[in-house]
Amino acid sequence: MTKWAVQTVDYYDSECYRDTLEMDFSLFDTRRDAIRELNRVIRDDWTTEVDVDGETKMLADCQGMSEMDSVKYSSWYYSEDGTIAWAFYPSGGGHKAEVFEIEVDQP
């Protein structure tokens, strides 16, 4: 059976080694529901604000945008299709999340 996963990774560089890296994984029946959950995570859990041409915006409102033209070197990014996002901060911490399809065996 096909499901859609949302995997999030949070990096807290100021924490002890045990708490530096946290991960979450959730399954959804549809791609649309998974993308909706990723947007919720960005908006409600990360609450990341970014600078877009001198204006402060929520990352969740910046789908299809990145900090600079080269996504590879951008400290923040939210893909056009809403399936991948990241935000890393000057303090060293950050978040990354992705939506992807997965096959799940039924018992």
PDB file of N, CA and C in Angstrom:
ATOM      1  N   MET A   1       0.836  -1.159   0.000  1.00  0.00           N
ATOM      2  CA  MET A   1       0.000   0.000   0.000  1.00  0.00           C
ATOM      3  C   MET A   1       0.900   1.248   0.000  1.00  0.00           C
ATOM      4  N   THR A   2       0.520   2.234  -0.786  1.00  0.00           N
ATOM      5  CA  THR A   2       1.288   3.462  -0.877  1.00  0.00           C
ATOM      6  C   THR A   2       0.810   4.466   0.164  1.00  0.00           C
ATOM      7  N   LYS A   3       1.753   5.055   0.867  1.00  0.00           N
ATOM      8  CA  LYS A   3       1.489   6.129   1.832  1.00  0.00           C
ATOM      9  C   LYS A   3       2.440   7.273   1.515  1.00  0.00           C
ATOM     10  N   TRP A   4       2.175   8.402   2.109  1.00  0.00           N
ATOM     11  CA  TRP A   4       3.038   9.568   1.966  1.00  0.00           C
ATOM     12  C   TRP A   4       3.602   9.919   3.334  1.00  0.00           C
ATOM     13  N   ALA A   5       4.899  10.103   3.389  1.00  0.00           N
ATOM     14  CA  ALA A   5       5.577  10.373   4.655  1.00  0.00           C
ATOM     15  C   ALA A   5       6.027  11.827   4.735  1.00  0.00           C
ATOM     16  N   VAL A   6       6.018  12.341   5.946  1.00  0.00           N
ATOM     17  CA  VAL A   6       6.628  13.632   6.254  1.00  0.00           C
ATOM     18  C   VAL A   6       7.706  13.339   7.293  1.00  0.00           C
ATOM     19  N   GLN A   7       8.941  13.607   6.906  1.00  0.00           N
ATOM     20  CA  GLN A   7      10.065  13.397   7.817  1.00  0.00           C
ATOM     21  C   GLN A   7      10.666  14.760   8.148  1.00  0.00           C
ATOM     22  N   THR A   8      10.797  15.038   9.431  1.00  0.00           N
ATOM     23  CA  THR A   8      11.400  16.299   9.861  1.00  0.00           C
ATOM     24  C   THR A   8      12.602  16.012  10.740  1.00  0.00           C
ATOM     25  N   VAL A   9      13.607  16.853  10.596  1.00  0.00           N
ATOM     26  CA  VAL A   9      14.814  16.746  11.409  1.00  0.00           C
ATOM     27  C   VAL A   9      15.100  18.133  11.972  1.00  0.00           C
ATOM     28  N   ASP A  10      15.313  18.185  13.266  1.00  0.00           N
ATOM     29  CA  ASP A  10      15.620  19.439  13.951  1.00  0.00           C
ATOM     30  C   ASP A  10      17.002  19.321  14.574  1.00  0.00           C
ATOM     31  N   TYR A  11      17.834  20.331  14.349  1.00  0.00           N
ATOM     32  CA  TYR A  11      19.200  20.341  14.870  1.00  0.00           C
ATOM     33  C   TYR A  11      19.344  21.491  15.862  1.00  0.00           C
ATOM     34  N   TYR A  12      19.674  21.149  17.099  1.00  0.00           N
ATOM     35  CA  TYR A  12      19.845  22.137  18.167  1.00  0.00           C
ATOM     36  C   TYR A  12      21.295  22.064  18.644  1.00  0.00           C
ATOM     37  N   ASP A  13      22.146  22.903  18.075  1.00  0.00           N
ATOM     38  CA  ASP A  13      23.575  22.797  18.353  1.00  0.00           C
ATOM     39  C   ASP A  13      23.955  23.177  19.781  1.00  0.00           C
ATOM     40  N   SER A  14      23.112  23.887  20.492  1.00  0.00           N
ATOM     41  CA  SER A  14      23.455  24.299  21.851  1.00  0.00           C
ATOM     42  C   SER A  14      23.041  23.277  22.910  1.00  0.00           C
ATOM     43  N   GLU A  15      22.434  22.179  22.491  1.00  0.00           N
ATOM     44  CA  GLU A  15      21.989  21.147  23.430  1.00  0.00           C
ATOM     45  C   GLU A  15      23.103  20.113  23.667  1.00  0.00           C
ATOM     46  N   CYS A  16      22.911  19.290  24.683  1.00  0.00           N
ATOM     47  CA  CYS A  16      23.846  18.190  24.915  1.00  0.00           C
ATOM     48  C   CYS A  16      23.731  17.212  23.744  1.00  0.00           C
ATOM     49  N   TYR A  17      24.706  16.367  23.584  1.00  0.00           N
ATOM     50  CA  TYR A  17      24.740  15.446  22.440  1.00  0.00           C
ATOM     51  C   TYR A  17      23.464  14.620  22.309  1.00  0.00           C
ATOM     52  N   ARG A  18      22.896  14.209  23.422  1.00  0.00           N
ATOM     53  CA  ARG A  18      21.694  13.380  23.412  1.00  0.00           C
ATOM     54  C   ARG A  18      20.511  14.109  22.758  1.00  0.00           C
ATOM     55  N   ASP A  19      20.452  15.431  22.902  1.00  0.00           N
ATOM     56  CA  ASP A  19      19.310  16.211  22.427  1.00  0.00           C
ATOM     57  C   ASP A  19      19.617  17.084  21.211  1.00  0.00           C
ATOM     58  N   THR A  20      20.789  16.923  20.620  1.00  0.00           N
ATOM     59  CA  THR A  20      21.187  17.780  19.503  1.00  0.00           C
ATOM     60  C   THR A  20      20.341  17.539  18.260  1.00  0.00           C
ATOM     61  N   LEU A  21      20.019  16.304  17.974  1.00  0.00           N
ATOM     62  CA  LEU A  21      19.293  15.953  16.758  1.00  0.00           C
ATOM     63  C   LEU A  21      17.985  15.257  17.119  1.00  0.00           C
ATOM     64  N   GLU A  22      16.873  15.820  16.657  1.00  0.00           N
ATOM     65  CA  GLU A  22      15.552  15.226  16.888  1.00  0.00           C
ATOM     66  C   GLU A  22      14.908  14.953  15.528  1.00  0.00           C
ATOM     67  N   MET A  23      14.218  13.830  15.418  1.00  0.00           N
ATOM     68  CA  MET A  23      13.574  13.468  14.152  1.00  0.00           C
ATOM     69  C   MET A  23      12.121  13.090  14.407  1.00  0.00           C
ATOM     70  N   ASP A  24      11.282  13.331  13.395  1.00  0.00           N
ATOM     71  CA  ASP A  24       9.879  12.950  13.468  1.00  0.00           C
ATOM     72  C   ASP A  24       9.482  12.385  12.110  1.00  0.00           C
ATOM     73  N   PHE A  25       8.591  11.425  12.132  1.00  0.00           N
ATOM     74  CA  PHE A  25       8.164  10.745  10.917  1.00  0.00           C
ATOM     75  C   PHE A  25       6.671  10.467  11.036  1.00  0.00           C
ATOM     76  N   SER A  26       5.877  10.942  10.069  1.00  0.00           N
ATOM     77  CA  SER A  26       4.427  10.732  10.086  1.00  0.00           C
ATOM     78  C   SER A  26       3.975  10.223   8.725  1.00  0.00           C
ATOM     79  N   LEU A  27       2.950   9.365   8.731  1.00  0.00           N
ATOM     80  CA  LEU A  27       2.404   8.817   7.487  1.00  0.00           C
ATOM     81  C   LEU A  27       1.022   9.390   7.201  1.00  0.00           C
ATOM     82  N   PHE A  28       0.738   9.571   5.899  1.00  0.00           N
ATOM     83  CA  PHE A  28      -0.541  10.104   5.449  1.00  0.00           C
ATOM     84  C   PHE A  28      -1.025   9.300   4.257  1.00  0.00           C
ATOM     85  N   ASP A  29      -2.338   9.293   4.073  1.00  0.00           N
ATOM     86  CA  ASP A  29      -2.930   8.540   2.966  1.00  0.00           C
ATOM     87  C   ASP A  29      -2.721   9.216   1.617  1.00  0.00           C
ATOM     88  N   THR A  30      -2.647  10.539   1.597  1.00  0.00           N
ATOM     89  CA  THR A  30      -2.522  11.254   0.328  1.00  0.00           C
ATOM     90  C   THR A  30      -1.333  12.213   0.353  1.00  0.00           C
ATOM     91  N   ARG A  31      -0.832  12.485  -0.828  1.00  0.00           N
ATOM     92  CA  ARG A  31       0.266  13.452  -0.982  1.00  0.00           C
ATOM     93  C   ARG A  31      -0.187  14.827  -0.500  1.00  0.00           C
ATOM     94  N   ARG A  32      -1.409  15.173  -0.846  1.00  0.00           N
ATOM     95  CA  ARG A  32      -1.968  16.472  -0.452  1.00  0.00           C
ATOM     96  C   ARG A  32      -1.975  16.644   1.070  1.00  0.00           C
ATOM     97  N   ASP A  33      -2.386  15.608   1.804  1.00  0.00           N
ATOM     98  CA  ASP A  33      -2.400  15.684   3.267  1.00  0.00           C
ATOM     99  C   ASP A  33      -0.982  15.822   3.827  1.00  0.00           C
ATOM    100  N   ALA A  34      -0.032  15.116   3.222  1.00  0.00           N
ATOM    101  CA  ALA A  34       1.358  15.195   3.685  1.00  0.00           C
ATOM    102  C   ALA A  34       1.928  16.593   3.447  1.00  0.00           C
ATOM    103  N   ILE A  35       1.654  17.167   2.288  1.00  0.00           N
ATOM    104  CA  ILE A  35       2.135  18.519   1.995  1.00  0.00           C
ATOM    105  C   ILE A  35       1.487  19.527   2.938  1.00  0.00           C
ATOM    106  N   ARG A  36       0.216  19.348   3.221  1.00  0.00           N
ATOM    107  CA  ARG A  36      -0.490  20.219   4.171  1.00  0.00           C
ATOM    108  C   ARG A  36       0.171  20.127   5.557  1.00  0.00           C
ATOM    109  N   GLU A  37       0.555  18.924   5.959  1.00  0.00           N
ATOM    110  CA  GLU A  37       1.216  18.751   7.256  1.00  0.00           C
ATOM    111  C   GLU A  37       2.596  19.413   7.269  1.00  0.00           C
ATOM    112  N   LEU A  38       3.342  19.285   6.179  1.00  0.00           N
ATOM    113  CA  LEU A  38       4.646  19.948   6.112  1.00  0.00           C
ATOM    114  C   LEU A  38       4.477  21.458   6.265  1.00  0.00           C
ATOM    115  N   ASN A  39       3.489  22.031   5.600  1.00  0.00           N
ATOM    116  CA  ASN A  39       3.258  23.471   5.733  1.00  0.00           C
ATOM    117  C   ASN A  39       2.876  23.827   7.168  1.00  0.00           C
ATOM    118  N   ARG A  40       2.089  22.985   7.826  1.00  0.00           N
ATOM    119  CA  ARG A  40       1.718  23.228   9.221  1.00  0.00           C
ATOM    120  C   ARG A  40       2.955  23.205  10.123  1.00  0.00           C
ATOM    121  N   VAL A  41       3.838  22.240   9.890  1.00  0.00           N
ATOM    122  CA  VAL A  41       5.070  22.150  10.673  1.00  0.00           C
ATOM    123  C   VAL A  41       5.904  23.425  10.512  1.00  0.00           C
ATOM    124  N   ILE A  42       6.066  23.866   9.277  1.00  0.00           N
ATOM    125  CA  ILE A  42       6.850  25.076   9.015  1.00  0.00           C
ATOM    126  C   ILE A  42       6.209  26.283   9.707  1.00  0.00           C
ATOM    127  N   ARG A  43       4.900  26.408   9.596  1.00  0.00           N
ATOM    128  CA  ARG A  43       4.197  27.567  10.147  1.00  0.00           C
ATOM    129  C   ARG A  43       4.092  27.535  11.677  1.00  0.00           C
ATOM    130  N   ASP A  44       3.675  26.395  12.225  1.00  0.00           N
ATOM    131  CA  ASP A  44       3.349  26.332  13.648  1.00  0.00           C
ATOM    132  C   ASP A  44       4.481  25.846  14.541  1.00  0.00           C
ATOM    133  N   ASP A  45       5.312  24.932  14.037  1.00  0.00           N
ATOM    134  CA  ASP A  45       6.391  24.381  14.868  1.00  0.00           C
ATOM    135  C   ASP A  45       7.686  25.167  14.706  1.00  0.00           C
ATOM    136  N   TRP A  46       8.075  25.427  13.466  1.00  0.00           N
ATOM    137  CA  TRP A  46       9.320  26.157  13.239  1.00  0.00           C
ATOM    138  C   TRP A  46       9.129  27.648  13.481  1.00  0.00           C
ATOM    139  N   THR A  47       8.008  28.199  13.059  1.00  0.00           N
ATOM    140  CA  THR A  47       7.701  29.638  13.128  1.00  0.00           C
ATOM    141  C   THR A  47       8.842  30.496  12.578  1.00  0.00           C
ATOM    142  N   THR A  48       9.451  30.019  11.520  1.00  0.00           N
ATOM    143  CA  THR A  48      10.617  30.691  10.933  1.00  0.00           C
ATOM    144  C   THR A  48      10.205  31.887  10.086  1.00  0.00           C
ATOM    145  N   GLU A  49      10.861  32.999  10.348  1.00  0.00           N
ATOM    146  CA  GLU A  49      10.685  34.194   9.533  1.00  0.00           C
ATOM    147  C   GLU A  49      11.941  34.396   8.708  1.00  0.00           C
ATOM    148  N   VAL A  50      11.762  34.806   7.448  1.00  0.00           N
ATOM    149  CA  VAL A  50      12.897  35.001   6.539  1.00  0.00           C
ATOM    150  C   VAL A  50      12.802  36.383   5.898  1.00  0.00           C
ATOM    151  N   ASP A  51      13.932  36.852   5.398  1.00  0.00           N
ATOM    152  CA  ASP A  51      13.996  38.138   4.709  1.00  0.00           C
ATOM    153  C   ASP A  51      13.847  37.897   3.210  1.00  0.00           C
ATOM    154  N   VAL A  52      12.811  38.487   2.628  1.00  0.00           N
ATOM    155  CA  VAL A  52      12.579  38.389   1.191  1.00  0.00           C
ATOM    156  C   VAL A  52      12.581  39.817   0.641  1.00  0.00           C
ATOM    157  N   ASP A  53      13.674  40.166  -0.004  1.00  0.00           N
ATOM    158  CA  ASP A  53      13.814  41.503  -0.589  1.00  0.00           C
ATOM    159  C   ASP A  53      13.531  42.612   0.427  1.00  0.00           C
ATOM    160  N   GLY A  54      14.090  42.475   1.624  1.00  0.00           N
ATOM    161  CA  GLY A  54      13.950  43.488   2.658  1.00  0.00           C
ATOM    162  C   GLY A  54      12.668  43.413   3.462  1.00  0.00           C
ATOM    163  N   GLU A  55      11.810  42.453   3.160  1.00  0.00           N
ATOM    164  CA  GLU A  55      10.545  42.284   3.876  1.00  0.00           C
ATOM    165  C   GLU A  55      10.580  40.972   4.657  1.00  0.00           C
ATOM    166  N   THR A  56      10.140  41.008   5.909  1.00  0.00           N
ATOM    167  CA  THR A  56      10.096  39.811   6.736  1.00  0.00           C
ATOM    168  C   THR A  56       8.811  39.042   6.453  1.00  0.00           C
ATOM    169  N   LYS A  57       8.978  37.760   6.127  1.00  0.00           N
ATOM    170  CA  LYS A  57       7.835  36.887   5.838  1.00  0.00           C
ATOM    171  C   LYS A  57       8.008  35.566   6.570  1.00  0.00           C
ATOM    172  N   MET A  58       6.892  34.888   6.793  1.00  0.00           N
ATOM    173  CA  MET A  58       6.935  33.527   7.334  1.00  0.00           C
ATOM    174  C   MET A  58       7.434  32.601   6.228  1.00  0.00           C
ATOM    175  N   LEU A  59       8.338  31.691   6.561  1.00  0.00           N
ATOM    176  CA  LEU A  59       8.814  30.722   5.568  1.00  0.00           C
ATOM    177  C   LEU A  59       7.645  29.955   4.963  1.00  0.00           C
ATOM    178  N   ALA A  60       6.637  29.665   5.759  1.00  0.00           N
ATOM    179  CA  ALA A  60       5.471  28.926   5.277  1.00  0.00           C
ATOM    180  C   ALA A  60       4.746  29.658   4.148  1.00  0.00           C
ATOM    181  N   ASP A  61       4.952  30.957   4.029  1.00  0.00           N
ATOM    182  CA  ASP A  61       4.333  31.755   2.974  1.00  0.00           C
ATOM    183  C   ASP A  61       5.270  31.973   1.788  1.00  0.00           C
ATOM    184  N   CYS A  62       6.408  31.285   1.771  1.00  0.00           N
ATOM    185  CA  CYS A  62       7.433  31.503   0.732  1.00  0.00           C
ATOM    186  C   CYS A  62       7.657  30.269  -0.133  1.00  0.00           C
ATOM    187  N   GLN A  63       6.591  29.544  -0.433  1.00  0.00           N
ATOM    188  CA  GLN A  63       6.715  28.357  -1.276  1.00  0.00           C
ATOM    189  C   GLN A  63       7.287  28.755  -2.637  1.00  0.00           C
ATOM    190  N   GLY A  64       8.259  27.998  -3.104  1.00  0.00           N
ATOM    191  CA  GLY A  64       8.919  28.275  -4.375  1.00  0.00           C
ATOM    192  C   GLY A  64      10.031  29.300  -4.258  1.00  0.00           C
ATOM    193  N   MET A  65      10.483  29.570  -3.037  1.00  0.00           N
ATOM    194  CA  MET A  65      11.501  30.603  -2.826  1.00  0.00           C
ATOM    195  C   MET A  65      12.680  30.049  -2.028  1.00  0.00           C
ATOM    196  N   SER A  66      13.790  30.767  -2.129  1.00  0.00           N
ATOM    197  CA  SER A  66      14.977  30.453  -1.329  1.00  0.00           C
ATOM    198  C   SER A  66      15.703  31.761  -1.017  1.00  0.00           C
ATOM    199  N   GLU A  67      16.653  31.670  -0.125  1.00  0.00           N
ATOM    200  CA  GLU A  67      17.398  32.853   0.290  1.00  0.00           C
ATOM    201  C   GLU A  67      18.142  33.492  -0.881  1.00  0.00           C
ATOM    202  N   MET A  68      18.714  32.660  -1.742  1.00  0.00           N
ATOM    203  CA  MET A  68      19.472  33.166  -2.886  1.00  0.00           C
ATOM    204  C   MET A  68      19.187  32.314  -4.111  1.00  0.00           C
ATOM    205  N   ASP A  69      19.674  32.743  -5.252  1.00  0.00           N
ATOM    206  CA  ASP A  69      19.420  32.007  -6.496  1.00  0.00           C
ATOM    207  C   ASP A  69      19.924  30.576  -6.434  1.00  0.00           C
ATOM    208  N   SER A  70      21.057  30.360  -5.786  1.00  0.00           N
ATOM    209  CA  SER A  70      21.605  29.017  -5.646  1.00  0.00           C
ATOM    210  C   SER A  70      20.986  28.345  -4.417  1.00  0.00           C
ATOM    211  N   VAL A  71      20.023  27.461  -4.655  1.00  0.00           N
ATOM    212  CA  VAL A  71      19.368  26.754  -3.554  1.00  0.00           C
ATOM    213  C   VAL A  71      20.404  26.020  -2.715  1.00  0.00           C
ATOM    214  N   LYS A  72      21.414  25.493  -3.357  1.00  0.00           N
ATOM    215  CA  LYS A  72      22.451  24.720  -2.676  1.00  0.00           C
ATOM    216  C   LYS A  72      23.088  25.496  -1.525  1.00  0.00           C
ATOM    217  N   TYR A  73      23.255  26.790  -1.682  1.00  0.00           N
ATOM    218  CA  TYR A  73      23.932  27.601  -0.666  1.00  0.00           C
ATOM    219  C   TYR A  73      22.977  28.460   0.155  1.00  0.00           C
ATOM    220  N   SER A  74      21.683  28.252   0.011  1.00  0.00           N
ATOM    221  CA  SER A  74      20.697  29.041   0.739  1.00  0.00           C
ATOM    222  C   SER A  74      20.517  28.518   2.154  1.00  0.00           C
ATOM    223  N   SER A  75      20.422  29.433   3.112  1.00  0.00           N
ATOM    224  CA  SER A  75      20.190  29.020   4.493  1.00  0.00           C
ATOM    225  C   SER A  75      18.723  28.656   4.728  1.00  0.00           C
ATOM    226  N   TRP A  76      17.850  29.083   3.810  1.00  0.00           N
ATOM    227  CA  TRP A  76      16.450  28.669   3.874  1.00  0.00           C
ATOM    228  C   TRP A  76      15.916  28.411   2.459  1.00  0.00           C
ATOM    229  N   TYR A  77      14.932  27.505   2.391  1.00  0.00           N
ATOM    230  CA  TYR A  77      14.366  27.100   1.107  1.00  0.00           C
ATOM    231  C   TYR A  77      13.023  26.426   1.350  1.00  0.00           C
ATOM    232  N   TYR A  78      12.069  26.663   0.446  1.00  0.00           N
ATOM    233  CA  TYR A  78      10.781  25.970   0.473  1.00  0.00           C
ATOM    234  C   TYR A  78      10.429  25.699  -0.991  1.00  0.00           C
ATOM    235  N   SER A  79      10.385  24.441  -1.375  1.00  0.00           N
ATOM    236  CA  SER A  79      10.232  24.066  -2.781  1.00  0.00           C
ATOM    237  C   SER A  79       8.893  24.496  -3.369  1.00  0.00           C
ATOM    238  N   GLU A  80       8.890  24.654  -4.682  1.00  0.00           N
ATOM    239  CA  GLU A  80       7.687  25.056  -5.415  1.00  0.00           C
ATOM    240  C   GLU A  80       6.539  24.078  -5.195  1.00  0.00           C
ATOM    241  N   ASP A  81       6.851  22.770  -5.169  1.00  0.00           N
ATOM    242  CA  ASP A  81       5.795  21.768  -5.009  1.00  0.00           C
ATOM    243  C   ASP A  81       5.444  21.490  -3.552  1.00  0.00           C
ATOM    244  N   GLY A  82       6.103  22.171  -2.617  1.00  0.00           N
ATOM    245  CA  GLY A  82       5.775  22.049  -1.198  1.00  0.00           C
ATOM    246  C   GLY A  82       6.244  20.776  -0.531  1.00  0.00           C
ATOM    247  N   THR A  83       7.225  20.072  -1.141  1.00  0.00           N
ATOM    248  CA  THR A  83       7.642  18.780  -0.596  1.00  0.00           C
ATOM    249  C   THR A  83       8.967  18.802   0.159  1.00  0.00           C
ATOM    250  N   ILE A  84       9.670  19.925   0.159  1.00  0.00           N
ATOM    251  CA  ILE A  84      10.930  19.998   0.894  1.00  0.00           C
ATOM    252  C   ILE A  84      11.151  21.425   1.379  1.00  0.00           C
ATOM    253  N   ALA A  85      11.678  21.522   2.582  1.00  0.00           N
ATOM    254  CA  ALA A  85      11.980  22.838   3.144  1.00  0.00           C
ATOM    255  C   ALA A  85      13.104  22.702   4.158  1.00  0.00           C
ATOM    256  N   TRP A  86      13.850  23.788   4.299  1.00  0.00           N
ATOM    257  CA  TRP A  86      14.832  23.850   5.372  1.00  0.00           C
ATOM    258  C   TRP A  86      15.036  25.287   5.801  1.00  0.00           C
ATOM    259  N   ALA A  87      15.535  25.418   7.017  1.00  0.00           N
ATOM    260  CA  ALA A  87      15.899  26.728   7.556  1.00  0.00           C
ATOM    261  C   ALA A  87      17.012  26.504   8.573  1.00  0.00           C
ATOM    262  N   PHE A  88      18.138  27.162   8.350  1.00  0.00           N
ATOM    263  CA  PHE A  88      19.251  27.104   9.285  1.00  0.00           C
ATOM    264  C   PHE A  88      19.562  28.519   9.734  1.00  0.00           C
ATOM    265  N   TYR A  89      19.922  28.667  10.995  1.00  0.00           N
ATOM    266  CA  TYR A  89      20.025  29.976  11.627  1.00  0.00           C
ATOM    267  C   TYR A  89      21.469  30.335  11.937  1.00  0.00           C
ATOM    268  N   PRO A  90      21.758  31.628  12.056  1.00  0.00           N
ATOM    269  CA  PRO A  90      23.122  32.072  12.397  1.00  0.00           C
ATOM    270  C   PRO A  90      23.642  31.438  13.692  1.00  0.00           C
ATOM    271  N   SER A  91      22.735  31.080  14.588  1.00  0.00           N
ATOM    272  CA  SER A  91      23.131  30.450  15.850  1.00  0.00           C
ATOM    273  C   SER A  91      23.687  29.047  15.648  1.00  0.00           C
ATOM    274  N   GLY A  92      23.417  28.447  14.471  1.00  0.00           N
ATOM    275  CA  GLY A  92      23.922  27.115  14.168  1.00  0.00           C
ATOM    276  C   GLY A  92      22.857  26.045  14.124  1.00  0.00           C
ATOM    277  N   GLY A  93      21.702  26.269  14.725  1.00  0.00           N
ATOM    278  CA  GLY A  93      20.625  25.290  14.706  1.00  0.00           C
ATOM    279  C   GLY A  93      19.843  25.372  13.409  1.00  0.00           C
ATOM    280  N   GLY A  94      18.901  24.446  13.245  1.00  0.00           N
ATOM    281  CA  GLY A  94      18.083  24.490  12.051  1.00  0.00           C
ATOM    282  C   GLY A  94      17.123  23.332  11.942  1.00  0.00           C
ATOM    283  N   HIS A  95      16.361  23.336  10.839  1.00  0.00           N
ATOM    284  CA  HIS A  95      15.337  22.331  10.569  1.00  0.00           C
ATOM    285  C   HIS A  95      15.396  21.938   9.093  1.00  0.00           C
ATOM    286  N   LYS A  96      14.981  20.720   8.832  1.00  0.00           N
ATOM    287  CA  LYS A  96      14.810  20.275   7.457  1.00  0.00           C
ATOM    288  C   LYS A  96      13.658  19.277   7.448  1.00  0.00           C
ATOM    289  N   ALA A  97      12.827  19.334   6.396  1.00  0.00           N
ATOM    290  CA  ALA A  97      11.692  18.420   6.293  1.00  0.00           C
ATOM    291  C   ALA A  97      11.451  18.068   4.839  1.00  0.00           C
ATOM    292  N   GLU A  98      10.887  16.879   4.652  1.00  0.00           N
ATOM    293  CA  GLU A  98      10.649  16.396   3.289  1.00  0.00           C
ATOM    294  C   GLU A  98       9.410  15.514   3.257  1.00  0.00           C
ATOM    295  N   VAL A  99       8.679  15.588   2.146  1.00  0.00           N
ATOM    296  CA  VAL A  99       7.539  14.712   1.875  1.00  0.00           C
ATOM    297  C   VAL A  99       7.974  13.714   0.804  1.00  0.00           C
ATOM    298  N   PHE A 100       7.688  12.432   1.027  1.00  0.00           N
ATOM    299  CA  PHE A 100       8.030  11.429   0.011  1.00  0.00           C
ATOM    300  C   PHE A 100       7.081  10.247   0.095  1.00  0.00           C
ATOM    301  N   GLU A 101       7.021   9.521  -1.007  1.00  0.00           N
ATOM    302  CA  GLU A 101       6.149   8.351  -1.119  1.00  0.00           C
ATOM    303  C   GLU A 101       6.853   7.140  -0.522  1.00  0.00           C
ATOM    304  N   ILE A 102       6.064   6.278   0.115  1.00  0.00           N
ATOM    305  CA  ILE A 102       6.629   5.089   0.740  1.00  0.00           C
ATOM    306  C   ILE A 102       5.649   3.926   0.588  1.00  0.00           C
ATOM    307  N   GLU A 103       6.184   2.736   0.399  1.00  0.00           N
ATOM    308  CA  GLU A 103       5.361   1.534   0.343  1.00  0.00           C
ATOM    309  C   GLU A 103       5.303   0.910   1.743  1.00  0.00           C
ATOM    310  N   VAL A 104       4.097   0.635   2.212  1.00  0.00           N
ATOM    311  CA  VAL A 104       3.902   0.071   3.534  1.00  0.00           C
ATOM    312  C   VAL A 104       3.234  -1.278   3.381  1.00  0.00           C
ATOM    313  N   ASP A 105       3.808  -2.305   3.995  1.00  0.00           N
ATOM    314  CA  ASP A 105       3.216  -3.642   3.967  1.00  0.00           C
ATOM    315  C   ASP A 105       2.039  -3.700   4.925  1.00  0.00           C
ATOM    316  N   GLN A 106       0.955  -4.301   4.461  1.00  0.00           N
ATOM    317  CA  GLN A 106      -0.190  -4.497   5.340  1.00  0.00           C
ATOM    318  C   GLN A 106      -0.034  -5.827   6.046  1.00  0.00           C
ATOM    319  N   PRO A 107      -0.382  -5.860   7.333  1.00  0.00           N
ATOM    320  CA  PRO A 107      -0.283  -7.126   8.078  1.00  0.00           C
ATOM    321  C   PRO A 107      -1.308  -8.133   7.623  1.00  0.00           C
TER     322      PRO A 107
END
